[in-house]
Amino acid sequence: MKNHKRALAPALMALALLRGAGSAHAQDVQPPPDLAAAIIARIGMVPARHNAFHESKHIAALTHDLDSSGELIYARPGHVQKITREPRPETLIVQGTTLSLARGQGPARVVDLSHHAQLAALVEAIRAPLDGDITALRHDYTLAAQGDVAHWTLQLTPQPAMARYVRTITIDGQNNAMTVIRVVQANGDTQVMRIDPPA
């Protein structure tokens, strides 16, 4: 069913654009561009990335934020690595529907994302923009965009199935790069990742 919906999405989008074009012709006014789609398309033009990141987690039950740093690696299609260097080594790898997480020298824990819809949706919030896959992103989130393609903000509001876990995800960026990813969980805890430009 998921694949069926994704297959129909481009056709429905084309139909909507055709309807919009017909209306604009009648009024001699061009419809506003889809800024979210333009942003995702620009991000997806980059086939590989390697960036440093700095992350801070604010958890209400703790007296101080949890800070970490490391590297983010992306390679098309759909390969994402988050390698945490500080304060403790951790490697998270996503490829296809498989997620693996290894801490220190311990064995990796492997998860099939096709059996964990909420976790898969969180992964797609980062991976789908990198892939330039707005259809996958809109499967799990309602998108709102502000700014322009040079300096922009994307707000991802989860579909009802995800809303009990995540309140919002906000992505700030410049041109074809994401610079800040902010996740607000349903309980108010926050996670902010700042992504440095390539060295």
N, C-alpha and C. Protein backbone atom coordinates (compact mmCIF):
# COMPACT_ATOMS: atom_id res chain seq x y z
N MET A 1 0.83 -1.21 0.00
CA MET A 1 0.00 0.00 0.00
C MET A 1 0.86 1.25 0.00
N LYS A 2 1.97 1.21 0.77
CA LYS A 2 2.86 2.36 0.83
C LYS A 2 3.46 2.65 -0.54
N ASN A 3 3.92 1.59 -1.22
CA ASN A 3 4.50 1.77 -2.55
C ASN A 3 3.45 2.27 -3.54
N HIS A 4 2.23 1.76 -3.38
CA HIS A 4 1.14 2.18 -4.26
C HIS A 4 0.88 3.68 -4.11
N LYS A 5 0.88 4.15 -2.85
CA LYS A 5 0.65 5.58 -2.61
C LYS A 5 1.78 6.40 -3.19
N ARG A 6 3.03 5.91 -3.03
CA ARG A 6 4.17 6.66 -3.56
C ARG A 6 4.11 6.71 -5.08
N ALA A 7 3.64 5.62 -5.69
CA ALA A 7 3.55 5.58 -7.15
C ALA A 7 2.50 6.57 -7.66
N LEU A 8 1.42 6.73 -6.90
CA LEU A 8 0.36 7.64 -7.31
C LEU A 8 0.71 9.10 -7.08
N ALA A 9 1.61 9.37 -6.11
CA ALA A 9 1.88 10.75 -5.72
C ALA A 9 2.34 11.62 -6.88
N PRO A 10 3.31 11.17 -7.72
CA PRO A 10 3.71 12.05 -8.83
C PRO A 10 2.56 12.38 -9.79
N ALA A 11 1.69 11.39 -10.05
CA ALA A 11 0.57 11.63 -10.94
C ALA A 11 -0.40 12.65 -10.33
N LEU A 12 -0.66 12.52 -9.02
CA LEU A 12 -1.55 13.47 -8.36
C LEU A 12 -0.95 14.87 -8.35
N MET A 13 0.38 14.94 -8.13
CA MET A 13 1.04 16.24 -8.14
C MET A 13 0.96 16.88 -9.53
N ALA A 14 1.17 16.06 -10.56
CA ALA A 14 1.09 16.58 -11.93
C ALA A 14 -0.32 17.09 -12.23
N LEU A 15 -1.32 16.35 -11.77
CA LEU A 15 -2.70 16.77 -11.98
C LEU A 15 -2.96 18.10 -11.29
N ALA A 16 -2.45 18.24 -10.05
CA ALA A 16 -2.65 19.49 -9.32
C ALA A 16 -1.97 20.66 -10.03
N LEU A 17 -0.77 20.40 -10.56
CA LEU A 17 -0.06 21.46 -11.27
C LEU A 17 -0.81 21.87 -12.54
N LEU A 18 -1.36 20.86 -13.25
CA LEU A 18 -2.12 21.17 -14.47
C LEU A 18 -3.35 22.01 -14.14
N ARG A 19 -4.04 21.64 -13.05
CA ARG A 19 -5.21 22.43 -12.65
C ARG A 19 -4.80 23.85 -12.30
N GLY A 20 -3.69 23.97 -11.57
CA GLY A 20 -3.21 25.30 -11.19
C GLY A 20 -2.84 26.11 -12.41
N ALA A 21 -2.21 25.45 -13.39
CA ALA A 21 -1.79 26.17 -14.59
C ALA A 21 -3.00 26.67 -15.37
N GLY A 22 -4.04 25.86 -15.44
CA GLY A 22 -5.24 26.28 -16.14
C GLY A 22 -5.89 27.47 -15.48
N SER A 23 -5.94 27.46 -14.16
CA SER A 23 -6.53 28.57 -13.43
C SER A 23 -5.70 29.83 -13.60
N ALA A 24 -4.36 29.68 -13.55
CA ALA A 24 -3.50 30.85 -13.67
C ALA A 24 -3.63 31.48 -15.05
N HIS A 25 -3.78 30.64 -16.08
CA HIS A 25 -3.91 31.16 -17.44
C HIS A 25 -5.18 32.01 -17.56
N ALA A 26 -6.25 31.52 -16.92
CA ALA A 26 -7.52 32.23 -17.01
C ALA A 26 -7.42 33.60 -16.33
N GLN A 27 -6.63 33.67 -15.23
CA GLN A 27 -6.53 34.92 -14.49
C GLN A 27 -5.28 35.70 -14.87
N ASP A 28 -4.44 35.10 -15.76
CA ASP A 28 -3.19 35.73 -16.17
C ASP A 28 -2.28 35.99 -14.99
N VAL A 29 -2.30 35.08 -13.99
CA VAL A 29 -1.45 35.19 -12.81
C VAL A 29 -0.77 33.84 -12.60
N GLN A 30 0.55 33.84 -12.39
CA GLN A 30 1.28 32.59 -12.16
C GLN A 30 1.07 32.12 -10.73
N PRO A 31 0.86 30.81 -10.53
CA PRO A 31 0.71 30.29 -9.17
C PRO A 31 2.04 30.38 -8.42
N PRO A 32 2.02 30.51 -7.09
CA PRO A 32 3.27 30.57 -6.33
C PRO A 32 4.00 29.23 -6.44
N PRO A 33 5.33 29.26 -6.48
CA PRO A 33 6.09 28.01 -6.58
C PRO A 33 5.99 27.22 -5.27
N ASP A 34 6.22 25.91 -5.36
CA ASP A 34 6.24 25.06 -4.19
C ASP A 34 7.65 25.15 -3.60
N LEU A 35 7.81 26.01 -2.59
CA LEU A 35 9.13 26.25 -2.03
C LEU A 35 9.71 24.99 -1.40
N ALA A 36 8.87 24.23 -0.69
CA ALA A 36 9.37 23.00 -0.06
C ALA A 36 9.93 22.04 -1.10
N ALA A 37 9.21 21.88 -2.22
CA ALA A 37 9.68 20.98 -3.27
C ALA A 37 10.98 21.49 -3.89
N ALA A 38 11.09 22.81 -4.07
CA ALA A 38 12.31 23.38 -4.64
C ALA A 38 13.50 23.16 -3.72
N ILE A 39 13.28 23.31 -2.41
CA ILE A 39 14.36 23.11 -1.43
C ILE A 39 14.83 21.66 -1.46
N ILE A 40 13.88 20.72 -1.40
CA ILE A 40 14.23 19.31 -1.38
C ILE A 40 14.95 18.92 -2.66
N ALA A 41 14.50 19.44 -3.79
CA ALA A 41 15.15 19.13 -5.06
C ALA A 41 16.60 19.60 -5.06
N ARG A 42 16.87 20.80 -4.52
CA ARG A 42 18.23 21.32 -4.48
C ARG A 42 19.12 20.50 -3.56
N ILE A 43 18.58 20.11 -2.41
CA ILE A 43 19.37 19.27 -1.49
C ILE A 43 19.74 17.95 -2.17
N GLY A 44 18.78 17.37 -2.88
CA GLY A 44 18.99 16.07 -3.51
C GLY A 44 19.96 16.08 -4.68
N MET A 45 20.39 17.25 -5.12
CA MET A 45 21.34 17.32 -6.23
C MET A 45 22.76 16.92 -5.83
N VAL A 46 23.04 16.89 -4.53
CA VAL A 46 24.39 16.57 -4.05
C VAL A 46 24.47 15.06 -3.78
N PRO A 47 25.31 14.32 -4.52
CA PRO A 47 25.31 12.86 -4.41
C PRO A 47 26.00 12.31 -3.18
N ALA A 48 26.88 13.10 -2.54
CA ALA A 48 27.60 12.61 -1.36
C ALA A 48 27.96 13.80 -0.47
N ARG A 49 27.98 13.55 0.82
CA ARG A 49 28.31 14.61 1.79
C ARG A 49 29.14 14.02 2.94
N HIS A 50 29.97 14.88 3.53
CA HIS A 50 30.74 14.51 4.71
C HIS A 50 30.90 15.76 5.55
N ASN A 51 30.19 15.82 6.69
CA ASN A 51 30.15 17.02 7.52
C ASN A 51 30.37 16.67 8.97
N ALA A 52 30.93 17.62 9.71
CA ALA A 52 30.98 17.49 11.17
C ALA A 52 29.64 17.96 11.75
N PHE A 53 29.27 17.39 12.90
CA PHE A 53 28.04 17.82 13.56
C PHE A 53 28.31 18.03 15.05
N HIS A 54 27.44 18.86 15.64
CA HIS A 54 27.44 19.09 17.09
C HIS A 54 25.98 19.00 17.53
N GLU A 55 25.71 18.17 18.49
CA GLU A 55 24.32 17.90 18.88
C GLU A 55 24.13 18.15 20.37
N SER A 56 22.96 18.69 20.70
CA SER A 56 22.61 18.94 22.09
C SER A 56 21.20 18.42 22.35
N LYS A 57 21.06 17.62 23.40
CA LYS A 57 19.75 17.08 23.78
C LYS A 57 19.34 17.68 25.12
N HIS A 58 18.15 18.27 25.14
CA HIS A 58 17.59 18.81 26.38
C HIS A 58 16.49 17.87 26.85
N ILE A 59 16.72 17.24 27.99
CA ILE A 59 15.77 16.28 28.56
C ILE A 59 15.32 16.81 29.91
N ALA A 60 14.02 16.96 30.07
CA ALA A 60 13.47 17.61 31.27
C ALA A 60 13.91 16.91 32.55
N ALA A 61 14.10 15.61 32.51
CA ALA A 61 14.45 14.85 33.72
C ALA A 61 15.90 15.06 34.14
N LEU A 62 16.72 15.68 33.28
CA LEU A 62 18.14 15.87 33.59
C LEU A 62 18.42 17.33 33.93
N THR A 63 19.47 17.56 34.71
CA THR A 63 19.80 18.91 35.13
C THR A 63 20.68 19.65 34.12
N HIS A 64 21.23 18.94 33.14
CA HIS A 64 22.06 19.59 32.13
C HIS A 64 21.84 18.91 30.78
N ASP A 65 22.15 19.64 29.72
CA ASP A 65 21.99 19.09 28.38
C ASP A 65 23.06 18.04 28.10
N LEU A 66 22.73 17.12 27.19
CA LEU A 66 23.66 16.10 26.74
C LEU A 66 24.24 16.53 25.40
N ASP A 67 25.54 16.78 25.37
CA ASP A 67 26.20 17.25 24.15
C ASP A 67 27.04 16.14 23.53
N SER A 68 27.07 16.13 22.20
CA SER A 68 27.88 15.15 21.49
C SER A 68 28.34 15.77 20.18
N SER A 69 29.34 15.13 19.56
CA SER A 69 29.84 15.63 18.28
C SER A 69 30.44 14.47 17.50
N GLY A 70 30.55 14.68 16.20
CA GLY A 70 31.10 13.64 15.35
C GLY A 70 30.97 14.00 13.89
N GLU A 71 30.69 12.98 13.06
CA GLU A 71 30.62 13.18 11.61
C GLU A 71 29.33 12.61 11.05
N LEU A 72 28.82 13.28 10.04
CA LEU A 72 27.68 12.79 9.26
C LEU A 72 28.16 12.49 7.84
N ILE A 73 27.85 11.30 7.36
CA ILE A 73 28.26 10.89 6.02
C ILE A 73 27.02 10.44 5.25
N TYR A 74 26.89 10.93 4.04
CA TYR A 74 25.78 10.53 3.18
C TYR A 74 26.32 10.12 1.81
N ALA A 75 25.75 9.05 1.26
CA ALA A 75 26.08 8.65 -0.11
C ALA A 75 24.80 8.14 -0.76
N ARG A 76 24.54 8.63 -1.96
CA ARG A 76 23.37 8.20 -2.70
C ARG A 76 23.57 6.77 -3.20
N PRO A 77 22.53 5.93 -3.14
CA PRO A 77 21.17 6.22 -2.68
C PRO A 77 20.95 5.77 -1.24
N GLY A 78 20.49 6.69 -0.41
CA GLY A 78 19.95 6.34 0.90
C GLY A 78 20.89 5.81 1.94
N HIS A 79 22.20 6.07 1.82
CA HIS A 79 23.15 5.58 2.82
C HIS A 79 23.52 6.74 3.74
N VAL A 80 23.25 6.59 5.04
CA VAL A 80 23.54 7.62 6.02
C VAL A 80 24.32 7.01 7.17
N GLN A 81 25.41 7.68 7.56
CA GLN A 81 26.16 7.28 8.75
C GLN A 81 26.25 8.47 9.70
N LYS A 82 26.01 8.21 10.96
CA LYS A 82 26.22 9.19 12.02
C LYS A 82 27.26 8.60 12.96
N ILE A 83 28.46 9.14 12.90
CA ILE A 83 29.57 8.62 13.69
C ILE A 83 29.84 9.59 14.84
N THR A 84 29.48 9.20 16.05
CA THR A 84 29.70 10.04 17.22
C THR A 84 31.09 9.77 17.78
N ARG A 85 31.88 10.83 17.94
CA ARG A 85 33.23 10.71 18.50
C ARG A 85 33.25 11.03 19.99
N GLU A 86 32.54 12.09 20.38
CA GLU A 86 32.50 12.55 21.76
C GLU A 86 31.06 12.65 22.24
N PRO A 87 30.75 12.34 23.49
CA PRO A 87 31.69 11.95 24.55
C PRO A 87 32.06 10.46 24.53
N ARG A 88 31.26 9.65 23.80
CA ARG A 88 31.54 8.22 23.70
C ARG A 88 31.33 7.78 22.27
N PRO A 89 32.19 6.88 21.76
CA PRO A 89 32.05 6.44 20.38
C PRO A 89 30.76 5.68 20.14
N GLU A 90 30.11 6.01 19.03
CA GLU A 90 28.87 5.35 18.64
C GLU A 90 28.74 5.49 17.12
N THR A 91 28.33 4.44 16.45
CA THR A 91 28.15 4.48 15.01
C THR A 91 26.77 4.01 14.63
N LEU A 92 26.02 4.87 13.97
CA LEU A 92 24.69 4.54 13.47
C LEU A 92 24.76 4.54 11.95
N ILE A 93 24.30 3.46 11.32
CA ILE A 93 24.32 3.34 9.87
C ILE A 93 22.93 2.97 9.39
N VAL A 94 22.45 3.69 8.39
CA VAL A 94 21.17 3.37 7.75
C VAL A 94 21.44 3.10 6.27
N GLN A 95 20.98 1.94 5.81
CA GLN A 95 21.06 1.59 4.40
C GLN A 95 19.79 0.84 4.04
N GLY A 96 19.02 1.40 3.11
CA GLY A 96 17.75 0.77 2.77
C GLY A 96 16.84 0.76 3.97
N THR A 97 16.31 -0.41 4.31
CA THR A 97 15.42 -0.53 5.47
C THR A 97 16.14 -1.07 6.70
N THR A 98 17.48 -1.09 6.66
CA THR A 98 18.26 -1.62 7.77
C THR A 98 18.96 -0.50 8.52
N LEU A 99 18.79 -0.50 9.84
CA LEU A 99 19.50 0.42 10.71
C LEU A 99 20.36 -0.39 11.67
N SER A 100 21.62 -0.02 11.79
CA SER A 100 22.50 -0.68 12.76
C SER A 100 23.09 0.37 13.69
N LEU A 101 23.24 0.00 14.97
CA LEU A 101 23.78 0.91 15.97
C LEU A 101 24.79 0.16 16.80
N ALA A 102 26.02 0.67 16.84
CA ALA A 102 27.09 0.05 17.62
C ALA A 102 27.65 1.09 18.58
N ARG A 103 27.81 0.71 19.84
CA ARG A 103 28.39 1.61 20.85
C ARG A 103 29.75 1.04 21.28
N GLY A 104 30.76 1.90 21.19
CA GLY A 104 32.10 1.47 21.57
C GLY A 104 32.55 0.29 20.74
N GLN A 105 33.11 -0.71 21.41
CA GLN A 105 33.58 -1.92 20.73
C GLN A 105 32.54 -3.03 20.75
N GLY A 106 31.35 -2.72 21.25
CA GLY A 106 30.30 -3.74 21.35
C GLY A 106 29.72 -4.10 20.00
N PRO A 107 28.99 -5.22 19.95
CA PRO A 107 28.37 -5.64 18.69
C PRO A 107 27.25 -4.68 18.28
N ALA A 108 27.02 -4.59 16.98
CA ALA A 108 25.98 -3.70 16.47
C ALA A 108 24.60 -4.32 16.68
N ARG A 109 23.66 -3.47 17.05
CA ARG A 109 22.26 -3.89 17.11
C ARG A 109 21.64 -3.52 15.78
N VAL A 110 20.96 -4.47 15.15
CA VAL A 110 20.39 -4.27 13.81
C VAL A 110 18.87 -4.26 13.90
N VAL A 111 18.25 -3.26 13.25
CA VAL A 111 16.80 -3.09 13.27
C VAL A 111 16.29 -3.03 11.84
N ASP A 112 15.22 -3.75 11.56
CA ASP A 112 14.55 -3.67 10.26
C ASP A 112 13.51 -2.56 10.34
N LEU A 113 13.77 -1.45 9.65
CA LEU A 113 12.89 -0.28 9.73
C LEU A 113 11.49 -0.56 9.19
N SER A 114 11.36 -1.56 8.33
CA SER A 114 10.04 -1.87 7.78
C SER A 114 9.09 -2.39 8.86
N HIS A 115 9.64 -2.78 10.01
CA HIS A 115 8.82 -3.25 11.13
C HIS A 115 8.69 -2.21 12.24
N HIS A 116 9.26 -1.02 12.03
CA HIS A 116 9.23 0.03 13.05
C HIS A 116 8.89 1.36 12.37
N ALA A 117 7.61 1.59 12.16
CA ALA A 117 7.15 2.73 11.37
C ALA A 117 7.58 4.07 11.96
N GLN A 118 7.51 4.22 13.30
CA GLN A 118 7.86 5.50 13.91
C GLN A 118 9.34 5.80 13.75
N LEU A 119 10.19 4.80 13.97
CA LEU A 119 11.63 4.98 13.79
C LEU A 119 11.96 5.27 12.33
N ALA A 120 11.29 4.56 11.43
CA ALA A 120 11.51 4.79 9.99
C ALA A 120 11.16 6.22 9.61
N ALA A 121 10.08 6.76 10.17
CA ALA A 121 9.67 8.13 9.86
C ALA A 121 10.71 9.13 10.35
N LEU A 122 11.31 8.89 11.52
CA LEU A 122 12.36 9.77 12.02
C LEU A 122 13.58 9.73 11.12
N VAL A 123 13.94 8.53 10.65
CA VAL A 123 15.07 8.38 9.73
C VAL A 123 14.80 9.14 8.44
N GLU A 124 13.57 9.01 7.91
CA GLU A 124 13.25 9.65 6.63
C GLU A 124 13.24 11.17 6.74
N ALA A 125 13.03 11.71 7.94
CA ALA A 125 13.07 13.17 8.11
C ALA A 125 14.43 13.73 7.71
N ILE A 126 15.49 12.93 7.86
CA ILE A 126 16.83 13.35 7.47
C ILE A 126 17.21 12.77 6.11
N ARG A 127 16.93 11.49 5.91
CA ARG A 127 17.39 10.84 4.69
C ARG A 127 16.63 11.29 3.44
N ALA A 128 15.31 11.44 3.54
CA ALA A 128 14.53 11.81 2.36
C ALA A 128 14.96 13.15 1.76
N PRO A 129 15.22 14.21 2.57
CA PRO A 129 15.73 15.43 1.96
C PRO A 129 17.08 15.21 1.25
N LEU A 130 17.97 14.43 1.86
CA LEU A 130 19.27 14.16 1.24
C LEU A 130 19.11 13.42 -0.08
N ASP A 131 18.12 12.53 -0.13
CA ASP A 131 17.84 11.80 -1.37
C ASP A 131 17.06 12.65 -2.38
N GLY A 132 16.56 13.81 -1.93
CA GLY A 132 15.71 14.62 -2.81
C GLY A 132 14.35 14.00 -3.01
N ASP A 133 13.90 13.20 -2.04
CA ASP A 133 12.66 12.42 -2.17
C ASP A 133 11.54 13.08 -1.38
N ILE A 134 10.88 14.06 -2.00
CA ILE A 134 9.81 14.76 -1.29
C ILE A 134 8.57 13.88 -1.11
N THR A 135 8.38 12.90 -2.00
CA THR A 135 7.23 12.00 -1.86
C THR A 135 7.34 11.19 -0.58
N ALA A 136 8.53 10.66 -0.27
CA ALA A 136 8.73 9.91 0.97
C ALA A 136 8.53 10.82 2.18
N LEU A 137 8.99 12.06 2.08
CA LEU A 137 8.87 12.98 3.19
C LEU A 137 7.40 13.31 3.47
N ARG A 138 6.64 13.53 2.39
CA ARG A 138 5.23 13.88 2.56
C ARG A 138 4.38 12.69 2.97
N HIS A 139 4.92 11.48 2.85
CA HIS A 139 4.19 10.30 3.33
C HIS A 139 4.03 10.35 4.85
N ASP A 140 5.05 10.91 5.54
CA ASP A 140 5.05 10.92 7.01
C ASP A 140 4.79 12.29 7.62
N TYR A 141 4.95 13.36 6.83
CA TYR A 141 4.87 14.71 7.39
C TYR A 141 4.10 15.66 6.47
N THR A 142 3.52 16.69 7.11
CA THR A 142 3.01 17.84 6.38
C THR A 142 4.12 18.89 6.40
N LEU A 143 4.43 19.45 5.22
CA LEU A 143 5.56 20.37 5.11
C LEU A 143 5.10 21.82 5.01
N ALA A 144 5.86 22.70 5.65
CA ALA A 144 5.67 24.14 5.50
C ALA A 144 7.05 24.75 5.34
N ALA A 145 7.19 25.66 4.37
CA ALA A 145 8.49 26.26 4.09
C ALA A 145 8.42 27.77 4.22
N GLN A 146 9.51 28.36 4.71
CA GLN A 146 9.64 29.81 4.81
C GLN A 146 10.98 30.23 4.23
N GLY A 147 11.07 31.49 3.81
CA GLY A 147 12.31 32.03 3.27
C GLY A 147 12.36 31.87 1.76
N ASP A 148 13.55 31.60 1.25
CA ASP A 148 13.74 31.34 -0.17
C ASP A 148 14.78 30.24 -0.32
N VAL A 149 15.14 29.90 -1.56
CA VAL A 149 16.04 28.76 -1.75
C VAL A 149 17.46 29.05 -1.26
N ALA A 150 17.79 30.32 -1.00
CA ALA A 150 19.12 30.65 -0.48
C ALA A 150 19.21 30.48 1.03
N HIS A 151 18.15 30.90 1.73
CA HIS A 151 18.08 30.78 3.19
C HIS A 151 16.66 30.35 3.55
N TRP A 152 16.52 29.16 4.07
CA TRP A 152 15.19 28.60 4.21
C TRP A 152 15.01 27.86 5.53
N THR A 153 13.73 27.64 5.86
CA THR A 153 13.33 26.82 7.01
C THR A 153 12.21 25.90 6.57
N LEU A 154 12.36 24.63 6.86
CA LEU A 154 11.32 23.64 6.62
C LEU A 154 10.76 23.17 7.96
N GLN A 155 9.45 23.19 8.10
CA GLN A 155 8.83 22.63 9.30
C GLN A 155 8.08 21.38 8.92
N LEU A 156 8.39 20.28 9.59
CA LEU A 156 7.77 18.99 9.34
C LEU A 156 6.82 18.68 10.50
N THR A 157 5.54 18.62 10.21
CA THR A 157 4.55 18.25 11.22
C THR A 157 4.13 16.82 10.96
N PRO A 158 4.33 15.93 11.94
CA PRO A 158 4.08 14.51 11.69
C PRO A 158 2.61 14.18 11.48
N GLN A 159 2.38 13.14 10.71
CA GLN A 159 1.03 12.60 10.56
C GLN A 159 0.57 12.05 11.92
N PRO A 160 -0.74 11.85 12.11
CA PRO A 160 -1.26 11.47 13.43
C PRO A 160 -0.57 10.26 14.07
N ALA A 161 -0.17 9.29 13.28
CA ALA A 161 0.47 8.09 13.85
C ALA A 161 1.78 8.43 14.55
N MET A 162 2.45 9.51 14.10
CA MET A 162 3.72 9.91 14.68
C MET A 162 3.58 10.97 15.76
N ALA A 163 2.42 11.62 15.83
CA ALA A 163 2.27 12.79 16.68
C ALA A 163 2.42 12.48 18.17
N ARG A 164 2.20 11.25 18.57
CA ARG A 164 2.36 10.92 20.00
C ARG A 164 3.82 10.75 20.38
N TYR A 165 4.71 10.76 19.38
CA TYR A 165 6.15 10.64 19.64
C TYR A 165 6.88 11.96 19.36
N VAL A 166 6.51 12.63 18.28
CA VAL A 166 7.21 13.84 17.85
C VAL A 166 6.20 14.96 17.62
N ARG A 167 6.51 16.14 18.14
CA ARG A 167 5.63 17.30 17.94
C ARG A 167 5.97 17.99 16.63
N THR A 168 7.22 18.36 16.44
CA THR A 168 7.66 18.99 15.19
C THR A 168 9.13 18.67 14.93
N ILE A 169 9.49 18.74 13.65
CA ILE A 169 10.89 18.73 13.24
C ILE A 169 11.10 19.95 12.36
N THR A 170 12.10 20.75 12.70
CA THR A 170 12.40 21.96 11.94
C THR A 170 13.81 21.85 11.38
N ILE A 171 13.93 22.13 10.09
CA ILE A 171 15.23 22.06 9.43
C ILE A 171 15.54 23.44 8.84
N ASP A 172 16.66 24.01 9.27
CA ASP A 172 17.15 25.26 8.69
C ASP A 172 18.25 24.93 7.69
N GLY A 173 18.36 25.76 6.65
CA GLY A 173 19.40 25.49 5.67
C GLY A 173 19.72 26.68 4.80
N GLN A 174 20.79 26.51 4.05
CA GLN A 174 21.22 27.50 3.07
C GLN A 174 21.50 26.79 1.76
N ASN A 175 20.90 27.28 0.69
CA ASN A 175 21.08 26.69 -0.63
C ASN A 175 20.77 25.19 -0.58
N ASN A 176 21.76 24.32 -0.87
CA ASN A 176 21.49 22.88 -0.92
C ASN A 176 21.97 22.14 0.32
N ALA A 177 22.16 22.86 1.43
CA ALA A 177 22.70 22.24 2.64
C ALA A 177 21.78 22.47 3.84
N MET A 178 21.58 21.41 4.63
CA MET A 178 20.90 21.53 5.91
C MET A 178 21.93 21.97 6.94
N THR A 179 21.58 22.96 7.76
CA THR A 179 22.53 23.48 8.75
C THR A 179 22.10 23.20 10.19
N VAL A 180 20.81 23.15 10.46
CA VAL A 180 20.31 22.86 11.80
C VAL A 180 19.08 21.97 11.69
N ILE A 181 19.05 20.89 12.49
CA ILE A 181 17.88 20.02 12.57
C ILE A 181 17.42 20.02 14.02
N ARG A 182 16.18 20.45 14.24
CA ARG A 182 15.64 20.57 15.59
C ARG A 182 14.42 19.66 15.73
N VAL A 183 14.48 18.72 16.66
CA VAL A 183 13.38 17.78 16.90
C VAL A 183 12.77 18.08 18.27
N VAL A 184 11.48 18.35 18.29
CA VAL A 184 10.75 18.54 19.55
C VAL A 184 9.86 17.32 19.74
N GLN A 185 10.14 16.56 20.78
CA GLN A 185 9.35 15.37 21.05
C GLN A 185 8.00 15.74 21.66
N ALA A 186 7.11 14.79 21.69
CA ALA A 186 5.76 15.05 22.19
C ALA A 186 5.78 15.48 23.66
N ASN A 187 6.77 15.01 24.43
CA ASN A 187 6.85 15.37 25.85
C ASN A 187 7.60 16.67 26.10
N GLY A 188 8.03 17.36 25.02
CA GLY A 188 8.71 18.63 25.15
C GLY A 188 10.23 18.56 25.13
N ASP A 189 10.82 17.38 25.27
CA ASP A 189 12.27 17.24 25.17
C ASP A 189 12.71 17.62 23.76
N THR A 190 13.90 18.21 23.66
CA THR A 190 14.37 18.68 22.36
C THR A 190 15.75 18.11 22.03
N GLN A 191 16.02 18.01 20.75
CA GLN A 191 17.30 17.55 20.23
C GLN A 191 17.67 18.47 19.07
N VAL A 192 18.82 19.15 19.18
CA VAL A 192 19.24 20.10 18.17
C VAL A 192 20.59 19.66 17.61
N MET A 193 20.65 19.44 16.30
CA MET A 193 21.90 19.09 15.63
C MET A 193 22.31 20.22 14.70
N ARG A 194 23.53 20.70 14.90
CA ARG A 194 24.10 21.73 14.03
C ARG A 194 25.13 21.06 13.11
N ILE A 195 24.97 21.27 11.82
CA ILE A 195 25.81 20.62 10.82
C ILE A 195 26.75 21.64 10.22
N ASP A 196 28.06 21.39 10.36
CA ASP A 196 29.06 22.32 9.84
C ASP A 196 29.19 22.16 8.33
N PRO A 197 29.55 23.24 7.63
CA PRO A 197 29.84 23.11 6.20
C PRO A 197 31.09 22.26 6.00
N PRO A 198 31.27 21.68 4.81
CA PRO A 198 32.46 20.86 4.56
C PRO A 198 33.72 21.67 4.79
N ALA A 199 34.77 21.02 5.31
CA ALA A 199 36.04 21.71 5.57
C ALA A 199 36.70 22.10 4.25
